[in-house]
Protein backbone atom coordinates (compact mmCIF):
# COMPACT_ATOMS: atom_id res chain seq x y z
CA UNK A 1 0.00 0.00 0.00
CA UNK A 2 1.36 3.43 -0.88
CA UNK A 3 2.05 5.94 1.86
CA UNK A 4 -0.45 8.32 0.22
CA UNK A 5 -3.22 5.74 0.38
CA UNK A 6 -2.30 5.03 3.98
CA UNK A 7 -2.32 8.72 4.92
CA UNK A 8 -5.68 9.14 3.20
CA UNK A 9 -7.06 6.22 5.24
CA UNK A 10 -5.64 7.73 8.41
CA UNK A 11 -7.17 11.16 7.73
CA UNK A 12 -10.50 9.66 6.70
CA UNK A 13 -10.54 7.64 9.92
CA UNK A 14 -9.87 10.76 12.01
CA UNK A 15 -12.79 12.51 10.27
CA UNK A 16 -15.13 9.53 10.71
CA UNK A 17 -14.17 9.24 14.37
CA UNK A 18 -15.98 12.52 15.02
CA UNK A 19 -19.26 10.87 14.03
CA UNK A 20 -18.42 7.78 16.07
CA UNK A 21 -17.52 9.92 19.09
CA UNK A 22 -20.78 11.87 18.78
CA UNK A 23 -22.86 8.67 18.69
CA UNK A 24 -20.95 7.10 21.58
CA UNK A 25 -21.13 10.26 23.69
CA UNK A 26 -24.81 10.96 23.09
CA UNK A 27 -26.35 7.49 23.12
CA UNK A 28 -23.89 5.35 25.08
CA UNK A 29 -22.13 7.62 27.58
CA UNK A 30 -25.35 9.53 28.28
CA UNK A 31 -27.29 6.26 28.08
CA UNK A 32 -26.34 2.82 29.40
CA UNK A 33 -22.71 3.90 29.92
CA UNK A 34 -23.65 6.74 32.26
CA UNK A 35 -22.37 4.71 35.23
CA UNK A 36 -18.84 5.47 33.97
CA UNK A 37 -19.42 8.86 32.34
CA UNK A 38 -21.24 10.38 35.32
CA UNK A 39 -17.90 10.82 37.06
CA UNK A 40 -16.95 13.27 34.32
CA UNK A 41 -19.95 15.48 35.10
CA UNK A 42 -19.01 15.71 38.79
CA UNK A 43 -16.08 17.51 40.40
CA UNK A 44 -13.02 15.25 40.18
CA UNK A 45 -11.65 14.25 43.57
CA UNK A 46 -8.39 12.68 42.41
CA UNK A 47 -6.15 12.47 39.40
CA UNK A 48 -8.42 10.00 37.58
CA UNK A 49 -12.14 9.40 37.16
CA UNK A 50 -14.15 6.35 36.07
CA UNK A 51 -14.83 8.08 32.73
CA UNK A 52 -11.11 7.62 31.91
CA UNK A 53 -11.88 3.96 31.27
CA UNK A 54 -13.51 5.03 27.99
CA UNK A 55 -10.05 6.03 26.74
CA UNK A 56 -8.79 2.53 27.49
CA UNK A 57 -11.86 0.92 25.89
CA UNK A 58 -11.54 3.02 22.72
CA UNK A 59 -7.78 2.35 22.50
CA UNK A 60 -8.29 -1.41 22.20
CA UNK A 61 -9.53 -1.41 18.56
CA UNK A 62 -6.69 0.94 17.63
CA UNK A 63 -4.07 -1.34 19.17
CA UNK A 64 -5.58 -4.47 17.61
CA UNK A 65 -5.77 -2.88 14.14
CA UNK A 66 -2.22 -1.52 14.28
CA UNK A 67 -0.86 -4.86 15.52
CA UNK A 68 -2.84 -6.77 12.91
CA UNK A 69 -1.72 -4.53 10.06
CA UNK A 70 1.93 -4.46 11.13
CA UNK A 71 2.62 -7.79 12.85
CA UNK A 72 -0.04 -10.32 11.88
CA UNK A 73 -0.05 -10.04 8.11
CA UNK A 74 -3.54 -8.53 7.93
CA UNK A 75 -4.38 -5.98 5.26
CA UNK A 76 -1.90 -3.07 5.76
CA UNK A 77 -4.75 -0.56 5.70
CA UNK A 78 -5.82 -1.77 9.13
CA UNK A 79 -2.62 -0.31 10.60
CA UNK A 80 -3.44 3.08 9.06
CA UNK A 81 -7.03 2.92 10.32
CA UNK A 82 -5.76 2.01 13.80
CA UNK A 83 -3.36 4.95 13.52
CA UNK A 84 -6.30 7.22 12.65
CA UNK A 85 -8.18 6.08 15.75
CA UNK A 86 -5.05 6.72 17.83
CA UNK A 87 -4.58 10.15 16.23
CA UNK A 88 -8.18 11.08 17.05
CA UNK A 89 -7.57 9.92 20.63
CA UNK A 90 -4.46 12.11 20.86
CA UNK A 91 -6.34 15.12 19.47
CA UNK A 92 -9.17 14.44 21.90
CA UNK A 93 -6.78 14.20 24.85
CA UNK A 94 -5.03 17.43 23.89
CA UNK A 95 -8.23 19.36 23.46
CA UNK A 96 -10.50 17.79 26.06
CA UNK A 97 -8.20 16.94 28.93
CA UNK A 98 -5.46 19.54 28.47
CA UNK A 99 -7.23 22.61 27.07
CA UNK A 100 -10.82 22.34 28.35
CA UNK A 101 -10.48 20.50 31.66
CA UNK A 102 -6.88 21.55 32.37
CA UNK A 103 -5.90 18.14 33.70
CA UNK A 104 -2.43 19.02 32.47
CA UNK A 105 -1.59 22.65 33.20
CA UNK A 106 -0.47 24.83 30.30
CA UNK A 107 -0.49 28.53 29.51
CA UNK A 108 -2.52 27.94 26.34
CA UNK A 109 -5.43 30.31 25.78
CA UNK A 110 -7.77 29.61 22.87
CA UNK A 111 -7.54 32.65 20.60
CA UNK A 112 -9.06 31.52 17.31
CA UNK A 113 -12.82 31.72 16.93
CA UNK A 114 -12.90 27.97 16.17
CA UNK A 115 -11.06 27.00 19.37
CA UNK A 116 -13.12 29.38 21.49
CA UNK A 117 -16.30 27.95 19.97
CA UNK A 118 -15.51 24.31 20.67
CA UNK A 119 -14.24 25.08 24.18
CA UNK A 120 -17.38 27.04 25.00
CA UNK A 121 -19.62 24.34 23.47
CA UNK A 122 -17.96 21.70 25.65
CA UNK A 123 -18.31 23.86 28.74
CA UNK A 124 -22.00 24.33 27.93
CA UNK A 125 -22.27 20.55 27.72
CA UNK A 126 -21.00 20.41 31.31
CA UNK A 127 -23.42 22.94 32.79
CA UNK A 128 -25.89 20.05 32.93
CA UNK A 129 -24.98 17.62 35.67
CA UNK A 130 -27.50 14.94 34.76
CA UNK A 131 -27.72 12.14 32.22
CA UNK A 132 -30.42 13.95 30.22
CA UNK A 133 -30.77 17.52 29.03
CA UNK A 134 -27.19 18.09 27.90
CA UNK A 135 -26.25 19.77 24.64
CA UNK A 136 -23.25 19.54 22.30
CA UNK A 137 -22.02 15.97 22.10
CA UNK A 138 -19.49 16.53 19.33
CA UNK A 139 -15.84 17.30 19.72
CA UNK A 140 -14.29 18.74 16.57
CA UNK A 141 -17.59 20.09 15.25
CA UNK A 142 -19.75 22.10 17.63
CA UNK A 143 -22.89 24.18 17.26
CA UNK A 144 -22.74 27.90 17.95
CA UNK A 145 -22.75 28.66 21.70
CA UNK A 146 -25.75 30.97 21.19
CA UNK A 147 -27.73 28.04 19.76
CA UNK A 148 -26.70 25.82 22.67
CA UNK A 149 -27.71 28.44 25.22
CA UNK A 150 -31.07 28.85 23.49
CA UNK A 151 -31.59 25.08 23.56
CA UNK A 152 -30.79 24.92 27.27
CA UNK A 153 -33.25 27.75 27.89
CA UNK A 154 -35.91 26.05 25.74
CA UNK A 155 -35.54 22.91 27.84
CA UNK A 156 -36.30 24.93 30.95
CA UNK A 157 -32.70 24.65 32.13
CA UNK A 158 -33.51 21.18 33.50
CA UNK A 159 -30.46 19.69 35.22
CA UNK A 160 -28.43 22.90 34.85
CA UNK A 161 -26.13 23.37 37.80
CA UNK A 162 -25.87 26.55 39.78
CA UNK A 163 -22.84 28.68 38.88
CA UNK A 164 -19.66 27.66 40.68
CA UNK A 165 -19.79 30.67 43.03
CA UNK A 166 -23.39 29.87 44.00
CA UNK A 167 -22.48 26.22 44.66
CA UNK A 168 -19.61 27.37 46.89
CA UNK A 169 -22.01 29.64 48.79
CA UNK A 170 -24.50 26.80 49.22
CA UNK A 171 -21.74 24.55 50.51
CA UNK A 172 -20.71 27.21 53.06
CA UNK A 173 -24.32 27.63 54.20
CA UNK A 174 -24.72 23.87 54.60
CA UNK A 175 -21.43 23.71 56.51
CA UNK A 176 -22.48 26.63 58.78
CA UNK A 177 -25.77 24.88 59.61
CA UNK A 178 -23.97 21.81 60.99
C-alpha atoms as a PDB file:
ATOM      1  CA  UNK A   1       0.000   0.000   0.000  1.00  0.00           C
ATOM      2  CA  UNK A   2       1.363   3.433  -0.880  1.00  0.00           C
ATOM      3  CA  UNK A   3       2.045   5.940   1.856  1.00  0.00           C
ATOM      4  CA  UNK A   4      -0.446   8.319   0.224  1.00  0.00           C
ATOM      5  CA  UNK A   5      -3.224   5.743   0.385  1.00  0.00           C
ATOM      6  CA  UNK A   6      -2.296   5.034   3.984  1.00  0.00           C
ATOM      7  CA  UNK A   7      -2.319   8.718   4.917  1.00  0.00           C
ATOM      8  CA  UNK A   8      -5.684   9.141   3.195  1.00  0.00           C
ATOM      9  CA  UNK A   9      -7.062   6.220   5.239  1.00  0.00           C
ATOM     10  CA  UNK A  10      -5.643   7.728   8.414  1.00  0.00           C
ATOM     11  CA  UNK A  11      -7.174  11.163   7.735  1.00  0.00           C
ATOM     12  CA  UNK A  12     -10.502   9.660   6.702  1.00  0.00           C
ATOM     13  CA  UNK A  13     -10.543   7.640   9.917  1.00  0.00           C
ATOM     14  CA  UNK A  14      -9.866  10.763  12.012  1.00  0.00           C
ATOM     15  CA  UNK A  15     -12.789  12.509  10.269  1.00  0.00           C
ATOM     16  CA  UNK A  16     -15.132   9.533  10.708  1.00  0.00           C
ATOM     17  CA  UNK A  17     -14.169   9.238  14.368  1.00  0.00           C
ATOM     18  CA  UNK A  18     -15.981  12.523  15.016  1.00  0.00           C
ATOM     19  CA  UNK A  19     -19.264  10.867  14.034  1.00  0.00           C
ATOM     20  CA  UNK A  20     -18.423   7.778  16.068  1.00  0.00           C
ATOM     21  CA  UNK A  21     -17.516   9.919  19.090  1.00  0.00           C
ATOM     22  CA  UNK A  22     -20.779  11.873  18.783  1.00  0.00           C
ATOM     23  CA  UNK A  23     -22.857   8.670  18.692  1.00  0.00           C
ATOM     24  CA  UNK A  24     -20.951   7.102  21.583  1.00  0.00           C
ATOM     25  CA  UNK A  25     -21.134  10.257  23.690  1.00  0.00           C
ATOM     26  CA  UNK A  26     -24.813  10.963  23.095  1.00  0.00           C
ATOM     27  CA  UNK A  27     -26.347   7.491  23.116  1.00  0.00           C
ATOM     28  CA  UNK A  28     -23.893   5.350  25.077  1.00  0.00           C
ATOM     29  CA  UNK A  29     -22.134   7.617  27.581  1.00  0.00           C
ATOM     30  CA  UNK A  30     -25.346   9.529  28.284  1.00  0.00           C
ATOM     31  CA  UNK A  31     -27.286   6.262  28.079  1.00  0.00           C
ATOM     32  CA  UNK A  32     -26.339   2.823  29.399  1.00  0.00           C
ATOM     33  CA  UNK A  33     -22.710   3.896  29.919  1.00  0.00           C
ATOM     34  CA  UNK A  34     -23.652   6.744  32.263  1.00  0.00           C
ATOM     35  CA  UNK A  35     -22.373   4.710  35.228  1.00  0.00           C
ATOM     36  CA  UNK A  36     -18.836   5.468  33.967  1.00  0.00           C
ATOM     37  CA  UNK A  37     -19.415   8.862  32.339  1.00  0.00           C
ATOM     38  CA  UNK A  38     -21.245  10.375  35.316  1.00  0.00           C
ATOM     39  CA  UNK A  39     -17.897  10.818  37.058  1.00  0.00           C
ATOM     40  CA  UNK A  40     -16.952  13.270  34.316  1.00  0.00           C
ATOM     41  CA  UNK A  41     -19.954  15.475  35.097  1.00  0.00           C
ATOM     42  CA  UNK A  42     -19.008  15.707  38.786  1.00  0.00           C
ATOM     43  CA  UNK A  43     -16.078  17.509  40.404  1.00  0.00           C
ATOM     44  CA  UNK A  44     -13.019  15.251  40.179  1.00  0.00           C
ATOM     45  CA  UNK A  45     -11.649  14.250  43.569  1.00  0.00           C
ATOM     46  CA  UNK A  46      -8.390  12.677  42.411  1.00  0.00           C
ATOM     47  CA  UNK A  47      -6.152  12.471  39.400  1.00  0.00           C
ATOM     48  CA  UNK A  48      -8.425   9.997  37.581  1.00  0.00           C
ATOM     49  CA  UNK A  49     -12.144   9.400  37.162  1.00  0.00           C
ATOM     50  CA  UNK A  50     -14.155   6.351  36.070  1.00  0.00           C
ATOM     51  CA  UNK A  51     -14.826   8.077  32.731  1.00  0.00           C
ATOM     52  CA  UNK A  52     -11.114   7.616  31.907  1.00  0.00           C
ATOM     53  CA  UNK A  53     -11.878   3.956  31.265  1.00  0.00           C
ATOM     54  CA  UNK A  54     -13.505   5.029  27.989  1.00  0.00           C
ATOM     55  CA  UNK A  55     -10.050   6.029  26.743  1.00  0.00           C
ATOM     56  CA  UNK A  56      -8.790   2.525  27.491  1.00  0.00           C
ATOM     57  CA  UNK A  57     -11.863   0.923  25.892  1.00  0.00           C
ATOM     58  CA  UNK A  58     -11.535   3.022  22.723  1.00  0.00           C
ATOM     59  CA  UNK A  59      -7.783   2.354  22.502  1.00  0.00           C
ATOM     60  CA  UNK A  60      -8.294  -1.410  22.198  1.00  0.00           C
ATOM     61  CA  UNK A  61      -9.530  -1.408  18.559  1.00  0.00           C
ATOM     62  CA  UNK A  62      -6.687   0.943  17.635  1.00  0.00           C
ATOM     63  CA  UNK A  63      -4.069  -1.342  19.174  1.00  0.00           C
ATOM     64  CA  UNK A  64      -5.577  -4.466  17.607  1.00  0.00           C
ATOM     65  CA  UNK A  65      -5.775  -2.879  14.135  1.00  0.00           C
ATOM     66  CA  UNK A  66      -2.221  -1.523  14.280  1.00  0.00           C
ATOM     67  CA  UNK A  67      -0.856  -4.855  15.517  1.00  0.00           C
ATOM     68  CA  UNK A  68      -2.844  -6.768  12.914  1.00  0.00           C
ATOM     69  CA  UNK A  69      -1.719  -4.535  10.062  1.00  0.00           C
ATOM     70  CA  UNK A  70       1.932  -4.464  11.128  1.00  0.00           C
ATOM     71  CA  UNK A  71       2.619  -7.792  12.853  1.00  0.00           C
ATOM     72  CA  UNK A  72      -0.037 -10.320  11.883  1.00  0.00           C
ATOM     73  CA  UNK A  73      -0.054 -10.042   8.110  1.00  0.00           C
ATOM     74  CA  UNK A  74      -3.536  -8.525   7.932  1.00  0.00           C
ATOM     75  CA  UNK A  75      -4.380  -5.980   5.259  1.00  0.00           C
ATOM     76  CA  UNK A  76      -1.904  -3.072   5.757  1.00  0.00           C
ATOM     77  CA  UNK A  77      -4.753  -0.556   5.698  1.00  0.00           C
ATOM     78  CA  UNK A  78      -5.817  -1.772   9.134  1.00  0.00           C
ATOM     79  CA  UNK A  79      -2.617  -0.307  10.602  1.00  0.00           C
ATOM     80  CA  UNK A  80      -3.440   3.083   9.055  1.00  0.00           C
ATOM     81  CA  UNK A  81      -7.034   2.916  10.323  1.00  0.00           C
ATOM     82  CA  UNK A  82      -5.764   2.010  13.801  1.00  0.00           C
ATOM     83  CA  UNK A  83      -3.364   4.946  13.521  1.00  0.00           C
ATOM     84  CA  UNK A  84      -6.304   7.221  12.651  1.00  0.00           C
ATOM     85  CA  UNK A  85      -8.178   6.082  15.748  1.00  0.00           C
ATOM     86  CA  UNK A  86      -5.046   6.724  17.834  1.00  0.00           C
ATOM     87  CA  UNK A  87      -4.584  10.154  16.227  1.00  0.00           C
ATOM     88  CA  UNK A  88      -8.178  11.081  17.049  1.00  0.00           C
ATOM     89  CA  UNK A  89      -7.571   9.920  20.630  1.00  0.00           C
ATOM     90  CA  UNK A  90      -4.465  12.111  20.865  1.00  0.00           C
ATOM     91  CA  UNK A  91      -6.341  15.121  19.468  1.00  0.00           C
ATOM     92  CA  UNK A  92      -9.171  14.436  21.900  1.00  0.00           C
ATOM     93  CA  UNK A  93      -6.776  14.198  24.853  1.00  0.00           C
ATOM     94  CA  UNK A  94      -5.027  17.433  23.894  1.00  0.00           C
ATOM     95  CA  UNK A  95      -8.232  19.361  23.460  1.00  0.00           C
ATOM     96  CA  UNK A  96     -10.504  17.795  26.057  1.00  0.00           C
ATOM     97  CA  UNK A  97      -8.200  16.938  28.931  1.00  0.00           C
ATOM     98  CA  UNK A  98      -5.460  19.537  28.469  1.00  0.00           C
ATOM     99  CA  UNK A  99      -7.232  22.613  27.075  1.00  0.00           C
ATOM    100  CA  UNK A 100     -10.824  22.340  28.345  1.00  0.00           C
ATOM    101  CA  UNK A 101     -10.482  20.502  31.658  1.00  0.00           C
ATOM    102  CA  UNK A 102      -6.879  21.553  32.365  1.00  0.00           C
ATOM    103  CA  UNK A 103      -5.895  18.140  33.704  1.00  0.00           C
ATOM    104  CA  UNK A 104      -2.427  19.019  32.470  1.00  0.00           C
ATOM    105  CA  UNK A 105      -1.590  22.646  33.196  1.00  0.00           C
ATOM    106  CA  UNK A 106      -0.469  24.830  30.297  1.00  0.00           C
ATOM    107  CA  UNK A 107      -0.493  28.532  29.508  1.00  0.00           C
ATOM    108  CA  UNK A 108      -2.519  27.942  26.337  1.00  0.00           C
ATOM    109  CA  UNK A 109      -5.434  30.309  25.784  1.00  0.00           C
ATOM    110  CA  UNK A 110      -7.770  29.611  22.869  1.00  0.00           C
ATOM    111  CA  UNK A 111      -7.544  32.654  20.600  1.00  0.00           C
ATOM    112  CA  UNK A 112      -9.056  31.517  17.312  1.00  0.00           C
ATOM    113  CA  UNK A 113     -12.818  31.716  16.934  1.00  0.00           C
ATOM    114  CA  UNK A 114     -12.903  27.972  16.173  1.00  0.00           C
ATOM    115  CA  UNK A 115     -11.064  26.995  19.367  1.00  0.00           C
ATOM    116  CA  UNK A 116     -13.116  29.383  21.491  1.00  0.00           C
ATOM    117  CA  UNK A 117     -16.299  27.948  19.966  1.00  0.00           C
ATOM    118  CA  UNK A 118     -15.509  24.307  20.668  1.00  0.00           C
ATOM    119  CA  UNK A 119     -14.235  25.075  24.182  1.00  0.00           C
ATOM    120  CA  UNK A 120     -17.384  27.040  24.997  1.00  0.00           C
ATOM    121  CA  UNK A 121     -19.615  24.340  23.471  1.00  0.00           C
ATOM    122  CA  UNK A 122     -17.957  21.701  25.648  1.00  0.00           C
ATOM    123  CA  UNK A 123     -18.312  23.855  28.736  1.00  0.00           C
ATOM    124  CA  UNK A 124     -22.001  24.333  27.934  1.00  0.00           C
ATOM    125  CA  UNK A 125     -22.267  20.548  27.725  1.00  0.00           C
ATOM    126  CA  UNK A 126     -20.998  20.415  31.305  1.00  0.00           C
ATOM    127  CA  UNK A 127     -23.419  22.939  32.789  1.00  0.00           C
ATOM    128  CA  UNK A 128     -25.885  20.050  32.934  1.00  0.00           C
ATOM    129  CA  UNK A 129     -24.984  17.615  35.667  1.00  0.00           C
ATOM    130  CA  UNK A 130     -27.500  14.937  34.760  1.00  0.00           C
ATOM    131  CA  UNK A 131     -27.724  12.136  32.223  1.00  0.00           C
ATOM    132  CA  UNK A 132     -30.415  13.950  30.222  1.00  0.00           C
ATOM    133  CA  UNK A 133     -30.770  17.525  29.029  1.00  0.00           C
ATOM    134  CA  UNK A 134     -27.192  18.086  27.904  1.00  0.00           C
ATOM    135  CA  UNK A 135     -26.251  19.772  24.642  1.00  0.00           C
ATOM    136  CA  UNK A 136     -23.252  19.540  22.301  1.00  0.00           C
ATOM    137  CA  UNK A 137     -22.019  15.972  22.096  1.00  0.00           C
ATOM    138  CA  UNK A 138     -19.490  16.534  19.328  1.00  0.00           C
ATOM    139  CA  UNK A 139     -15.843  17.300  19.722  1.00  0.00           C
ATOM    140  CA  UNK A 140     -14.286  18.742  16.572  1.00  0.00           C
ATOM    141  CA  UNK A 141     -17.591  20.085  15.248  1.00  0.00           C
ATOM    142  CA  UNK A 142     -19.746  22.098  17.630  1.00  0.00           C
ATOM    143  CA  UNK A 143     -22.889  24.183  17.261  1.00  0.00           C
ATOM    144  CA  UNK A 144     -22.741  27.904  17.946  1.00  0.00           C
ATOM    145  CA  UNK A 145     -22.754  28.658  21.696  1.00  0.00           C
ATOM    146  CA  UNK A 146     -25.750  30.970  21.192  1.00  0.00           C
ATOM    147  CA  UNK A 147     -27.728  28.042  19.763  1.00  0.00           C
ATOM    148  CA  UNK A 148     -26.705  25.818  22.670  1.00  0.00           C
ATOM    149  CA  UNK A 149     -27.711  28.442  25.225  1.00  0.00           C
ATOM    150  CA  UNK A 150     -31.073  28.852  23.486  1.00  0.00           C
ATOM    151  CA  UNK A 151     -31.594  25.081  23.555  1.00  0.00           C
ATOM    152  CA  UNK A 152     -30.794  24.924  27.270  1.00  0.00           C
ATOM    153  CA  UNK A 153     -33.251  27.753  27.889  1.00  0.00           C
ATOM    154  CA  UNK A 154     -35.909  26.046  25.737  1.00  0.00           C
ATOM    155  CA  UNK A 155     -35.543  22.914  27.839  1.00  0.00           C
ATOM    156  CA  UNK A 156     -36.298  24.929  30.946  1.00  0.00           C
ATOM    157  CA  UNK A 157     -32.696  24.650  32.129  1.00  0.00           C
ATOM    158  CA  UNK A 158     -33.507  21.179  33.502  1.00  0.00           C
ATOM    159  CA  UNK A 159     -30.463  19.690  35.220  1.00  0.00           C
ATOM    160  CA  UNK A 160     -28.431  22.896  34.852  1.00  0.00           C
ATOM    161  CA  UNK A 161     -26.132  23.370  37.799  1.00  0.00           C
ATOM    162  CA  UNK A 162     -25.875  26.545  39.776  1.00  0.00           C
ATOM    163  CA  UNK A 163     -22.843  28.676  38.880  1.00  0.00           C
ATOM    164  CA  UNK A 164     -19.656  27.656  40.684  1.00  0.00           C
ATOM    165  CA  UNK A 165     -19.793  30.668  43.035  1.00  0.00           C
ATOM    166  CA  UNK A 166     -23.387  29.869  43.996  1.00  0.00           C
ATOM    167  CA  UNK A 167     -22.479  26.219  44.657  1.00  0.00           C
ATOM    168  CA  UNK A 168     -19.614  27.366  46.890  1.00  0.00           C
ATOM    169  CA  UNK A 169     -22.010  29.643  48.786  1.00  0.00           C
ATOM    170  CA  UNK A 170     -24.501  26.801  49.222  1.00  0.00           C
ATOM    171  CA  UNK A 171     -21.738  24.551  50.511  1.00  0.00           C
ATOM    172  CA  UNK A 172     -20.707  27.207  53.063  1.00  0.00           C
ATOM    173  CA  UNK A 173     -24.318  27.635  54.196  1.00  0.00           C
ATOM    174  CA  UNK A 174     -24.721  23.874  54.600  1.00  0.00           C
ATOM    175  CA  UNK A 175     -21.429  23.707  56.512  1.00  0.00           C
ATOM    176  CA  UNK A 176     -22.477  26.632  58.777  1.00  0.00           C
ATOM    177  CA  UNK A 177     -25.773  24.883  59.610  1.00  0.00           C
ATOM    178  CA  UNK A 178     -23.969  21.806  60.985  1.00  0.00           C
END
